[in-house]
Amino acid sequence: MPPMNHDYSLLRSWLFVPGDSERKLQKALTTGTDAIIVDLEDAVAAENKRAARGIAAGAIDAWQRAGTLVAIRANALDTGLTFDDISATMACQPDAYMLPKVIAPDDLRRVSSHIAVEERRHGREPGSVRLVPIVSEHPRAVSQLQALCDADPRTAAVAWGTEDLSAAIGARRAKDADGRLLEPFRTVRALTVLAAAAAGLASLDTVVVEIDAVDVLRRESSEGADMGFTGKMAIHPSQVGPINEAFLPPPQAVAHARELLAAREQAGAGAFRFRGQMTDAPHLRMAARMVALDDAQRTRAAALRGPVA
């Protein structure tokens, strides 16, 4: 099935799946995730990385995606594997490539140029294969988050993470005893969502590595959605449901938003009164996003169910 034109801001859950595990790749589309990240980097042992390209490409090529976005996380530039990862997997028509350990804007531009070459070679529409860089895995990257977000028009979303950043700065841990992020990581989290919003990009909150800590996952997911992140990454299928729930507005909020947008059509331009409150452009933007999220979820659910006999 060919790729779709995805609105990255409406994708809530992004599930990592090891690129060398046929079993996990076969199950990926049954998890309910909005996006799948087929991982050729951290989830694959060094001796399996080249073989993983073929395993991952074969699985993706066979998928009936039903509206699910498919991204491939390539290896970082300093490994020397990045460009071969892309060349070996473009034929399976991924929607995007995730690029880890980005440090400078030129990192993104180099990878974007290589993707453009592969797009032409495989008959893809220019610019259709998007980039999702992880922009926080080195302290030098943190100091230029806005430049990274603005670096290349191929970028559709940016992600941030704690594990590599923690190692790079010598932090003994990223969270306190209650599972809450420590100050440096809270700062990077806030700066990432602000930089992404300023660039008009979708933004992905970091993974929760404590798989059994459902309370931490639910709290972080709700906080992320409240902060303005558009989605959150997951490392286990059990995390997909709580993430999807946290990033989807409750039914009563969606109903209110639909009524507000309908009232706007009646009121015309400018601020207007709605249920005893003055309402203007910011309220309308938030309402439109709630409705778009709800509509997207309904569309994906219908696609997963398939045609009714």
C-alpha atoms as a PDB file:
ATOM      1  CA  MET A   1       0.000   0.000   0.000  1.00  0.00           C
ATOM      2  CA  PRO A   2       1.508   3.376  -0.982  1.00  0.00           C
ATOM      3  CA  PRO A   3       2.161   6.054   1.640  1.00  0.00           C
ATOM      4  CA  MET A   4      -0.528   8.585   2.557  1.00  0.00           C
ATOM      5  CA  ASN A   5      -0.342  12.320   3.084  1.00  0.00           C
ATOM      6  CA  HIS A   6      -0.271  12.326   6.870  1.00  0.00           C
ATOM      7  CA  ASP A   7      -0.948  15.236   9.180  1.00  0.00           C
ATOM      8  CA  TYR A   8       1.836  14.597  11.678  1.00  0.00           C
ATOM      9  CA  SER A   9       0.198  16.807  14.296  1.00  0.00           C
ATOM     10  CA  LEU A  10      -2.664  14.311  14.604  1.00  0.00           C
ATOM     11  CA  LEU A  11      -0.543  11.233  15.344  1.00  0.00           C
ATOM     12  CA  ARG A  12      -0.644  10.464  19.053  1.00  0.00           C
ATOM     13  CA  SER A  13       1.345   7.264  19.623  1.00  0.00           C
ATOM     14  CA  TRP A  14       4.640   6.389  17.920  1.00  0.00           C
ATOM     15  CA  LEU A  15       5.690   2.806  18.667  1.00  0.00           C
ATOM     16  CA  PHE A  16       9.295   1.623  18.263  1.00  0.00           C
ATOM     17  CA  VAL A  17       9.614  -1.879  16.787  1.00  0.00           C
ATOM     18  CA  PRO A  18      12.989  -3.638  16.353  1.00  0.00           C
ATOM     19  CA  GLY A  19      13.849  -3.829  12.677  1.00  0.00           C
ATOM     20  CA  ASP A  20      15.399  -7.281  12.963  1.00  0.00           C
ATOM     21  CA  SER A  21      12.459  -9.013  14.687  1.00  0.00           C
ATOM     22  CA  GLU A  22      10.089 -10.575  12.180  1.00  0.00           C
ATOM     23  CA  ARG A  23       7.696 -11.564  14.959  1.00  0.00           C
ATOM     24  CA  LYS A  24       7.409  -8.069  16.405  1.00  0.00           C
ATOM     25  CA  LEU A  25       7.197  -6.496  12.967  1.00  0.00           C
ATOM     26  CA  GLN A  26       4.321  -8.813  12.045  1.00  0.00           C
ATOM     27  CA  LYS A  27       2.391  -7.706  15.142  1.00  0.00           C
ATOM     28  CA  ALA A  28       3.118  -3.990  14.835  1.00  0.00           C
ATOM     29  CA  LEU A  29      -0.055  -3.058  12.954  1.00  0.00           C
ATOM     30  CA  THR A  30      -2.267  -4.801  15.517  1.00  0.00           C
ATOM     31  CA  THR A  31      -1.221  -2.586  18.419  1.00  0.00           C
ATOM     32  CA  GLY A  32      -3.488   0.382  17.659  1.00  0.00           C
ATOM     33  CA  THR A  33      -0.576   2.786  17.336  1.00  0.00           C
ATOM     34  CA  ASP A  34      -0.938   5.810  15.071  1.00  0.00           C
ATOM     35  CA  ALA A  35       2.673   5.564  13.865  1.00  0.00           C
ATOM     36  CA  ILE A  36       5.269   2.806  13.762  1.00  0.00           C
ATOM     37  CA  ILE A  37       8.987   3.521  14.053  1.00  0.00           C
ATOM     38  CA  VAL A  38      10.887   0.584  12.596  1.00  0.00           C
ATOM     39  CA  ASP A  39      14.155   0.807  14.497  1.00  0.00           C
ATOM     40  CA  LEU A  40      17.490   0.085  12.845  1.00  0.00           C
ATOM     41  CA  GLU A  41      19.416   1.850  15.634  1.00  0.00           C
ATOM     42  CA  ASP A  42      19.307   1.135  19.365  1.00  0.00           C
ATOM     43  CA  ALA A  43      16.996  -1.885  19.187  1.00  0.00           C
ATOM     44  CA  VAL A  44      19.314  -3.775  16.822  1.00  0.00           C
ATOM     45  CA  ALA A  45      22.635  -5.331  17.832  1.00  0.00           C
ATOM     46  CA  ALA A  46      25.683  -4.179  15.877  1.00  0.00           C
ATOM     47  CA  GLU A  47      26.135  -7.539  14.146  1.00  0.00           C
ATOM     48  CA  ASN A  48      22.505  -7.510  12.917  1.00  0.00           C
ATOM     49  CA  LYS A  49      22.279  -3.969  11.586  1.00  0.00           C
ATOM     50  CA  ARG A  50      22.861  -4.722   7.922  1.00  0.00           C
ATOM     51  CA  ALA A  51      20.569  -7.757   7.946  1.00  0.00           C
ATOM     52  CA  ALA A  52      17.892  -5.691   9.695  1.00  0.00           C
ATOM     53  CA  ARG A  53      17.549  -3.475   6.630  1.00  0.00           C
ATOM     54  CA  GLY A  54      16.253  -6.353   4.535  1.00  0.00           C
ATOM     55  CA  ILE A  55      14.058  -7.763   7.302  1.00  0.00           C
ATOM     56  CA  ALA A  56      12.495  -4.358   7.975  1.00  0.00           C
ATOM     57  CA  ALA A  57      12.014  -3.505   4.302  1.00  0.00           C
ATOM     58  CA  GLY A  58      10.330  -6.838   3.611  1.00  0.00           C
ATOM     59  CA  ALA A  59       7.909  -6.415   6.491  1.00  0.00           C
ATOM     60  CA  ILE A  60       7.005  -2.832   5.584  1.00  0.00           C
ATOM     61  CA  ASP A  61       6.511  -3.760   1.934  1.00  0.00           C
ATOM     62  CA  ALA A  62       3.960  -6.416   2.960  1.00  0.00           C
ATOM     63  CA  TRP A  63       1.969  -4.224   5.349  1.00  0.00           C
ATOM     64  CA  GLN A  64      -1.558  -3.061   4.616  1.00  0.00           C
ATOM     65  CA  ARG A  65      -1.074   0.165   6.534  1.00  0.00           C
ATOM     66  CA  ALA A  66      -4.701   1.256   6.972  1.00  0.00           C
ATOM     67  CA  GLY A  67      -3.673   4.838   7.658  1.00  0.00           C
ATOM     68  CA  THR A  68      -0.795   4.012  10.019  1.00  0.00           C
ATOM     69  CA  LEU A  69       2.321   6.111   9.430  1.00  0.00           C
ATOM     70  CA  VAL A  70       5.532   4.140   8.977  1.00  0.00           C
ATOM     71  CA  ALA A  71       8.883   5.716   9.821  1.00  0.00           C
ATOM     72  CA  ILE A  72      12.308   4.094   9.858  1.00  0.00           C
ATOM     73  CA  ARG A  73      14.845   5.138  12.481  1.00  0.00           C
ATOM     74  CA  ALA A  74      18.191   5.079  10.713  1.00  0.00           C
ATOM     75  CA  ASN A  75      21.503   4.858  12.510  1.00  0.00           C
ATOM     76  CA  ALA A  76      23.201   8.097  13.519  1.00  0.00           C
ATOM     77  CA  LEU A  77      25.547   9.862  11.135  1.00  0.00           C
ATOM     78  CA  ASP A  78      28.630   9.125  13.199  1.00  0.00           C
ATOM     79  CA  THR A  79      28.143   5.375  12.612  1.00  0.00           C
ATOM     80  CA  GLY A  80      28.655   5.635   8.863  1.00  0.00           C
ATOM     81  CA  LEU A  81      25.473   3.576   8.343  1.00  0.00           C
ATOM     82  CA  THR A  82      22.862   6.291   7.810  1.00  0.00           C
ATOM     83  CA  PHE A  83      22.962   6.699   4.049  1.00  0.00           C
ATOM     84  CA  ASP A  84      23.074   2.950   3.402  1.00  0.00           C
ATOM     85  CA  ASP A  85      20.115   2.499   5.782  1.00  0.00           C
ATOM     86  CA  ILE A  86      18.108   4.904   3.647  1.00  0.00           C
ATOM     87  CA  SER A  87      19.233   3.544   0.283  1.00  0.00           C
ATOM     88  CA  ALA A  88      18.452  -0.032   1.322  1.00  0.00           C
ATOM     89  CA  THR A  89      14.935   0.722   2.573  1.00  0.00           C
ATOM     90  CA  MET A  90      13.500   3.434   0.315  1.00  0.00           C
ATOM     91  CA  ALA A  91      11.935   0.836  -2.011  1.00  0.00           C
ATOM     92  CA  CYS A  92       9.483  -0.233   0.723  1.00  0.00           C
ATOM     93  CA  GLN A  93       8.034   3.296   0.669  1.00  0.00           C
ATOM     94  CA  PRO A  94       8.377   4.537   4.231  1.00  0.00           C
ATOM     95  CA  ASP A  95       6.595   7.763   5.059  1.00  0.00           C
ATOM     96  CA  ALA A  96       9.553   9.201   6.966  1.00  0.00           C
ATOM     97  CA  TYR A  97      12.982   8.609   8.406  1.00  0.00           C
ATOM     98  CA  MET A  98      13.782   9.338  12.024  1.00  0.00           C
ATOM     99  CA  LEU A  99      17.311  10.639  12.479  1.00  0.00           C
ATOM    100  CA  PRO A 100      18.873  10.164  15.934  1.00  0.00           C
ATOM    101  CA  LYS A 101      21.661  12.136  17.608  1.00  0.00           C
ATOM    102  CA  VAL A 102      21.273  15.222  15.443  1.00  0.00           C
ATOM    103  CA  ILE A 103      23.691  17.915  16.587  1.00  0.00           C
ATOM    104  CA  ALA A 104      23.838  20.601  13.890  1.00  0.00           C
ATOM    105  CA  PRO A 105      21.437  21.862  11.206  1.00  0.00           C
ATOM    106  CA  ASP A 106      23.823  20.631   8.515  1.00  0.00           C
ATOM    107  CA  ASP A 107      23.236  17.059   9.762  1.00  0.00           C
ATOM    108  CA  LEU A 108      19.628  17.351   8.660  1.00  0.00           C
ATOM    109  CA  ARG A 109      20.441  19.007   5.370  1.00  0.00           C
ATOM    110  CA  ARG A 110      22.926  16.265   4.459  1.00  0.00           C
ATOM    111  CA  VAL A 111      20.408  13.527   5.145  1.00  0.00           C
ATOM    112  CA  SER A 112      17.647  15.431   3.348  1.00  0.00           C
ATOM    113  CA  SER A 113      19.854  15.711   0.255  1.00  0.00           C
ATOM    114  CA  HIS A 114      20.458  11.963   0.272  1.00  0.00           C
ATOM    115  CA  ILE A 115      16.746  11.271   0.650  1.00  0.00           C
ATOM    116  CA  ALA A 116      16.104  13.515  -2.364  1.00  0.00           C
ATOM    117  CA  VAL A 117      18.474  11.381  -4.446  1.00  0.00           C
ATOM    118  CA  GLU A 118      16.687   8.218  -3.351  1.00  0.00           C
ATOM    119  CA  GLU A 119      13.271   9.762  -4.024  1.00  0.00           C
ATOM    120  CA  ARG A 120      14.282  10.368  -7.634  1.00  0.00           C
ATOM    121  CA  ARG A 121      15.767   6.882  -7.965  1.00  0.00           C
ATOM    122  CA  HIS A 122      12.585   5.236  -6.713  1.00  0.00           C
ATOM    123  CA  GLY A 123      10.072   7.510  -8.437  1.00  0.00           C
ATOM    124  CA  ARG A 124       8.827   9.135  -5.236  1.00  0.00           C
ATOM    125  CA  GLU A 125       7.378  12.628  -5.279  1.00  0.00           C
ATOM    126  CA  PRO A 126      10.079  15.168  -4.331  1.00  0.00           C
ATOM    127  CA  GLY A 127       9.819  16.071  -0.652  1.00  0.00           C
ATOM    128  CA  SER A 128       7.240  13.363   0.098  1.00  0.00           C
ATOM    129  CA  VAL A 129       9.540  11.358   2.383  1.00  0.00           C
ATOM    130  CA  ARG A 130       9.734  13.354   5.599  1.00  0.00           C
ATOM    131  CA  LEU A 131      12.295  13.701   8.383  1.00  0.00           C
ATOM    132  CA  VAL A 132      11.722  13.336  12.124  1.00  0.00           C
ATOM    133  CA  PRO A 133      14.961  14.276  13.917  1.00  0.00           C
ATOM    134  CA  ILE A 134      15.643  13.622  17.595  1.00  0.00           C
ATOM    135  CA  VAL A 135      16.980  17.014  18.605  1.00  0.00           C
ATOM    136  CA  SER A 136      18.042  16.650  22.233  1.00  0.00           C
ATOM    137  CA  GLU A 137      20.530  13.804  22.455  1.00  0.00           C
ATOM    138  CA  HIS A 138      23.609  16.019  22.824  1.00  0.00           C
ATOM    139  CA  PRO A 139      24.048  19.240  24.839  1.00  0.00           C
ATOM    140  CA  ARG A 140      25.331  21.008  21.722  1.00  0.00           C
ATOM    141  CA  ALA A 141      22.036  20.238  20.015  1.00  0.00           C
ATOM    142  CA  VAL A 142      20.026  21.664  22.896  1.00  0.00           C
ATOM    143  CA  SER A 143      21.745  25.023  22.472  1.00  0.00           C
ATOM    144  CA  GLN A 144      20.420  25.322  18.903  1.00  0.00           C
ATOM    145  CA  LEU A 145      16.999  23.700  19.046  1.00  0.00           C
ATOM    146  CA  GLN A 146      15.313  26.418  17.005  1.00  0.00           C
ATOM    147  CA  ALA A 147      17.925  26.217  14.257  1.00  0.00           C
ATOM    148  CA  LEU A 148      17.422  22.451  14.095  1.00  0.00           C
ATOM    149  CA  CYS A 149      13.660  22.834  13.823  1.00  0.00           C
ATOM    150  CA  ASP A 150      14.072  25.380  11.024  1.00  0.00           C
ATOM    151  CA  ALA A 151      16.903  23.592   9.207  1.00  0.00           C
ATOM    152  CA  ASP A 152      15.106  21.781   6.387  1.00  0.00           C
ATOM    153  CA  PRO A 153      11.595  21.851   4.878  1.00  0.00           C
ATOM    154  CA  ARG A 154      11.511  18.051   4.814  1.00  0.00           C
ATOM    155  CA  THR A 155      11.207  18.031   8.616  1.00  0.00           C
ATOM    156  CA  ALA A 156       7.652  17.221   9.702  1.00  0.00           C
ATOM    157  CA  ALA A 157       8.118  16.609  13.418  1.00  0.00           C
ATOM    158  CA  VAL A 158      10.838  16.663  16.052  1.00  0.00           C
ATOM    159  CA  ALA A 159      11.360  14.397  19.026  1.00  0.00           C
ATOM    160  CA  TRP A 160      13.295  14.671  22.243  1.00  0.00           C
ATOM    161  CA  GLY A 161      14.731  12.008  24.538  1.00  0.00           C
ATOM    162  CA  THR A 162      16.468  11.583  27.865  1.00  0.00           C
ATOM    163  CA  GLU A 163      18.685   8.516  27.640  1.00  0.00           C
ATOM    164  CA  ASP A 164      21.472   9.710  25.340  1.00  0.00           C
ATOM    165  CA  LEU A 165      21.340  13.235  26.753  1.00  0.00           C
ATOM    166  CA  SER A 166      21.696  11.838  30.261  1.00  0.00           C
ATOM    167  CA  ALA A 167      24.824   9.928  29.247  1.00  0.00           C
ATOM    168  CA  ALA A 168      26.247  12.920  27.368  1.00  0.00           C
ATOM    169  CA  ILE A 169      26.025  15.276  30.353  1.00  0.00           C
ATOM    170  CA  GLY A 170      27.056  12.691  32.924  1.00  0.00           C
ATOM    171  CA  ALA A 171      23.739  12.598  34.758  1.00  0.00           C
ATOM    172  CA  ARG A 172      23.340   9.606  37.045  1.00  0.00           C
ATOM    173  CA  ARG A 173      19.625   9.534  36.344  1.00  0.00           C
ATOM    174  CA  ALA A 174      16.965  11.528  34.515  1.00  0.00           C
ATOM    175  CA  LYS A 175      14.106  11.127  37.030  1.00  0.00           C
ATOM    176  CA  ASP A 176      13.606  11.374  40.760  1.00  0.00           C
ATOM    177  CA  ALA A 177      12.283   8.621  43.027  1.00  0.00           C
ATOM    178  CA  ASP A 178       8.691   9.466  42.044  1.00  0.00           C
ATOM    179  CA  GLY A 179       9.426   9.091  38.343  1.00  0.00           C
ATOM    180  CA  ARG A 180       9.415  12.833  37.634  1.00  0.00           C
ATOM    181  CA  LEU A 181      11.976  14.372  35.306  1.00  0.00           C
ATOM    182  CA  LEU A 182      14.860  16.229  36.917  1.00  0.00           C
ATOM    183  CA  GLU A 183      15.380  19.903  36.148  1.00  0.00           C
ATOM    184  CA  PRO A 184      17.738  19.702  33.124  1.00  0.00           C
ATOM    185  CA  PHE A 185      15.391  17.304  31.370  1.00  0.00           C
ATOM    186  CA  ARG A 186      12.257  19.293  32.217  1.00  0.00           C
ATOM    187  CA  THR A 187      13.993  22.305  30.685  1.00  0.00           C
ATOM    188  CA  VAL A 188      14.849  20.477  27.468  1.00  0.00           C
ATOM    189  CA  ARG A 189      11.322  19.120  27.268  1.00  0.00           C
ATOM    190  CA  ALA A 190       9.845  22.616  27.469  1.00  0.00           C
ATOM    191  CA  LEU A 191      12.351  24.105  25.022  1.00  0.00           C
ATOM    192  CA  THR A 192      11.646  21.355  22.482  1.00  0.00           C
ATOM    193  CA  VAL A 193       7.897  21.858  22.415  1.00  0.00           C
ATOM    194  CA  LEU A 194       8.364  25.630  22.127  1.00  0.00           C
ATOM    195  CA  ALA A 195      10.874  25.365  19.286  1.00  0.00           C
ATOM    196  CA  ALA A 196       8.687  22.891  17.411  1.00  0.00           C
ATOM    197  CA  ALA A 197       5.644  25.126  17.757  1.00  0.00           C
ATOM    198  CA  ALA A 198       7.599  28.158  16.556  1.00  0.00           C
ATOM    199  CA  ALA A 199       8.625  26.213  13.447  1.00  0.00           C
ATOM    200  CA  GLY A 200       5.112  24.856  12.853  1.00  0.00           C
ATOM    201  CA  LEU A 201       6.171  21.251  13.439  1.00  0.00           C
ATOM    202  CA  ALA A 202       4.622  18.326  15.267  1.00  0.00           C
ATOM    203  CA  SER A 203       6.433  17.402  18.491  1.00  0.00           C
ATOM    204  CA  LEU A 204       6.989  14.010  20.116  1.00  0.00           C
ATOM    205  CA  ASP A 205       7.454  13.566  23.841  1.00  0.00           C
ATOM    206  CA  THR A 206      10.094  11.121  25.055  1.00  0.00           C
ATOM    207  CA  VAL A 207       9.566   7.452  25.860  1.00  0.00           C
ATOM    208  CA  VAL A 208       8.886   6.082  29.322  1.00  0.00           C
ATOM    209  CA  VAL A 209      11.439   3.313  29.776  1.00  0.00           C
ATOM    210  CA  GLU A 210       9.775   1.932  32.924  1.00  0.00           C
ATOM    211  CA  ILE A 211       7.423  -0.408  31.074  1.00  0.00           C
ATOM    212  CA  ASP A 212       5.466  -1.516  34.154  1.00  0.00           C
ATOM    213  CA  ALA A 213       5.072   2.006  35.578  1.00  0.00           C
ATOM    214  CA  VAL A 214       1.665   2.709  34.067  1.00  0.00           C
ATOM    215  CA  ASP A 215       1.075   5.578  36.472  1.00  0.00           C
ATOM    216  CA  VAL A 216       4.231   7.333  35.246  1.00  0.00           C
ATOM    217  CA  LEU A 217       3.223   6.765  31.634  1.00  0.00           C
ATOM    218  CA  ARG A 218      -0.261   8.161  32.162  1.00  0.00           C
ATOM    219  CA  ARG A 219       1.071  11.184  34.035  1.00  0.00           C
ATOM    220  CA  GLU A 220       3.746  11.973  31.455  1.00  0.00           C
ATOM    221  CA  SER A 221       1.320  11.488  28.579  1.00  0.00           C
ATOM    222  CA  SER A 222      -1.255  13.829  30.108  1.00  0.00           C
ATOM    223  CA  GLU A 223       1.432  16.394  30.918  1.00  0.00           C
ATOM    224  CA  GLY A 224       2.809  16.172  27.410  1.00  0.00           C
ATOM    225  CA  ALA A 225      -0.586  16.704  25.834  1.00  0.00           C
ATOM    226  CA  ASP A 226      -1.283  19.610  28.198  1.00  0.00           C
ATOM    227  CA  MET A 227       2.100  21.184  27.329  1.00  0.00           C
ATOM    228  CA  GLY A 228       1.396  21.117  23.603  1.00  0.00           C
ATOM    229  CA  PHE A 229       3.187  17.991  22.426  1.00  0.00           C
ATOM    230  CA  THR A 230       1.272  16.378  19.579  1.00  0.00           C
ATOM    231  CA  GLY A 231       2.275  12.809  20.415  1.00  0.00           C
ATOM    232  CA  LYS A 232       4.477  10.535  22.493  1.00  0.00           C
ATOM    233  CA  MET A 233       6.863   7.724  21.650  1.00  0.00           C
ATOM    234  CA  ALA A 234       6.389   4.216  23.050  1.00  0.00           C
ATOM    235  CA  ILE A 235       8.739   1.266  23.458  1.00  0.00           C
ATOM    236  CA  HIS A 236       6.161  -1.438  24.206  1.00  0.00           C
ATOM    237  CA  PRO A 237       2.699  -2.197  22.759  1.00  0.00           C
ATOM    238  CA  SER A 238       1.153  -1.956  26.244  1.00  0.00           C
ATOM    239  CA  GLN A 239       2.007   1.757  26.261  1.00  0.00           C
ATOM    240  CA  VAL A 240       0.029   2.590  23.127  1.00  0.00           C
ATOM    241  CA  GLY A 241      -3.438   2.608  24.718  1.00  0.00           C
ATOM    242  CA  PRO A 242      -2.623   4.994  27.582  1.00  0.00           C
ATOM    243  CA  ILE A 243      -0.834   7.352  25.193  1.00  0.00           C
ATOM    244  CA  ASN A 244      -3.706   7.385  22.709  1.00  0.00           C
ATOM    245  CA  GLU A 245      -6.179   8.028  25.504  1.00  0.00           C
ATOM    246  CA  ALA A 246      -4.161  10.904  26.978  1.00  0.00           C
ATOM    247  CA  PHE A 247      -3.733  12.684  23.643  1.00  0.00           C
ATOM    248  CA  LEU A 248      -7.365  12.343  22.575  1.00  0.00           C
ATOM    249  CA  PRO A 249      -9.701  15.013  23.982  1.00  0.00           C
ATOM    250  CA  PRO A 250     -12.625  13.670  26.051  1.00  0.00           C
ATOM    251  CA  PRO A 251     -15.983  13.369  24.255  1.00  0.00           C
ATOM    252  CA  GLN A 252     -17.547  16.271  26.156  1.00  0.00           C
ATOM    253  CA  ALA A 253     -14.681  18.562  25.146  1.00  0.00           C
ATOM    254  CA  VAL A 254     -15.038  17.521  21.509  1.00  0.00           C
ATOM    255  CA  ALA A 255     -18.790  18.158  21.607  1.00  0.00           C
ATOM    256  CA  HIS A 256     -18.171  21.608  23.105  1.00  0.00           C
ATOM    257  CA  ALA A 257     -15.582  22.324  20.403  1.00  0.00           C
ATOM    258  CA  ARG A 258     -17.956  21.329  17.617  1.00  0.00           C
ATOM    259  CA  GLU A 259     -20.670  23.572  19.039  1.00  0.00           C
ATOM    260  CA  LEU A 260     -18.203  26.442  19.328  1.00  0.00           C
ATOM    261  CA  LEU A 261     -17.103  26.111  15.707  1.00  0.00           C
ATOM    262  CA  ALA A 262     -20.732  25.952  14.574  1.00  0.00           C
ATOM    263  CA  ALA A 263     -21.488  29.102  16.592  1.00  0.00           C
ATOM    264  CA  ARG A 264     -18.540  30.800  14.920  1.00  0.00           C
ATOM    265  CA  GLU A 265     -20.108  30.214  11.525  1.00  0.00           C
ATOM    266  CA  GLN A 266     -23.256  31.949  12.708  1.00  0.00           C
ATOM    267  CA  ALA A 267     -21.453  34.836  14.418  1.00  0.00           C
ATOM    268  CA  GLY A 268     -19.185  35.843  11.549  1.00  0.00           C
ATOM    269  CA  ALA A 269     -15.743  37.409  11.940  1.00  0.00           C
ATOM    270  CA  GLY A 270     -14.235  38.717  15.166  1.00  0.00           C
ATOM    271  CA  ALA A 271     -14.813  37.932  18.818  1.00  0.00           C
ATOM    272  CA  PHE A 272     -18.245  36.696  19.860  1.00  0.00           C
ATOM    273  CA  ARG A 273     -20.138  35.519  22.922  1.00  0.00           C
ATOM    274  CA  PHE A 274     -20.490  31.777  23.484  1.00  0.00           C
ATOM    275  CA  ARG A 275     -22.074  30.313  26.611  1.00  0.00           C
ATOM    276  CA  GLY A 276     -21.472  33.459  28.592  1.00  0.00           C
ATOM    277  CA  GLN A 277     -17.820  33.917  27.590  1.00  0.00           C
ATOM    278  CA  MET A 278     -16.110  36.053  24.979  1.00  0.00           C
ATOM    279  CA  THR A 279     -14.475  33.818  22.385  1.00  0.00           C
ATOM    280  CA  ASP A 280     -11.830  34.704  19.818  1.00  0.00           C
ATOM    281  CA  ALA A 281      -9.081  33.215  17.623  1.00  0.00           C
ATOM    282  CA  PRO A 282      -7.094  31.219  20.260  1.00  0.00           C
ATOM    283  CA  HIS A 283     -10.251  29.450  21.463  1.00  0.00           C
ATOM    284  CA  LEU A 284     -11.186  28.637  17.886  1.00  0.00           C
ATOM    285  CA  ARG A 285      -7.751  27.204  17.103  1.00  0.00           C
ATOM    286  CA  MET A 286      -7.935  24.921  20.137  1.00  0.00           C
ATOM    287  CA  ALA A 287     -11.450  23.834  19.196  1.00  0.00           C
ATOM    288  CA  ALA A 288     -10.409  23.099  15.620  1.00  0.00           C
ATOM    289  CA  ARG A 289      -7.527  20.936  16.843  1.00  0.00           C
ATOM    290  CA  MET A 290      -9.807  18.934  19.152  1.00  0.00           C
ATOM    291  CA  VAL A 291     -12.225  18.260  16.296  1.00  0.00           C
ATOM    292  CA  ALA A 292      -9.388  17.333  13.927  1.00  0.00           C
ATOM    293  CA  LEU A 293      -7.975  14.855  16.458  1.00  0.00           C
ATOM    294  CA  ASP A 294     -11.367  13.269  16.973  1.00  0.00           C
ATOM    295  CA  ASP A 295     -12.033  13.037  13.236  1.00  0.00           C
ATOM    296  CA  ALA A 296      -8.596  11.523  12.596  1.00  0.00           C
ATOM    297  CA  GLN A 297      -9.120   8.893  15.287  1.00  0.00           C
ATOM    298  CA  ARG A 298     -12.492   7.940  13.815  1.00  0.00           C
ATOM    299  CA  THR A 299     -11.000   7.694  10.324  1.00  0.00           C
ATOM    300  CA  ARG A 300      -8.153   5.448  11.482  1.00  0.00           C
ATOM    301  CA  ALA A 301     -10.544   3.242  13.465  1.00  0.00           C
ATOM    302  CA  ALA A 302     -12.723   2.792  10.386  1.00  0.00           C
ATOM    303  CA  ALA A 303      -9.686   1.954   8.224  1.00  0.00           C
ATOM    304  CA  LEU A 304      -8.508  -0.662  10.715  1.00  0.00           C
ATOM    305  CA  ARG A 305     -11.957  -2.278  10.787  1.00  0.00           C
ATOM    306  CA  GLY A 306     -12.002  -2.466   7.000  1.00  0.00           C
ATOM    307  CA  PRO A 307     -15.068  -2.577   4.760  1.00  0.00           C
ATOM    308  CA  VAL A 308     -18.256  -3.912   6.279  1.00  0.00           C
ATOM    309  CA  ALA A 309     -19.596  -6.982   4.466  1.00  0.00           C
END
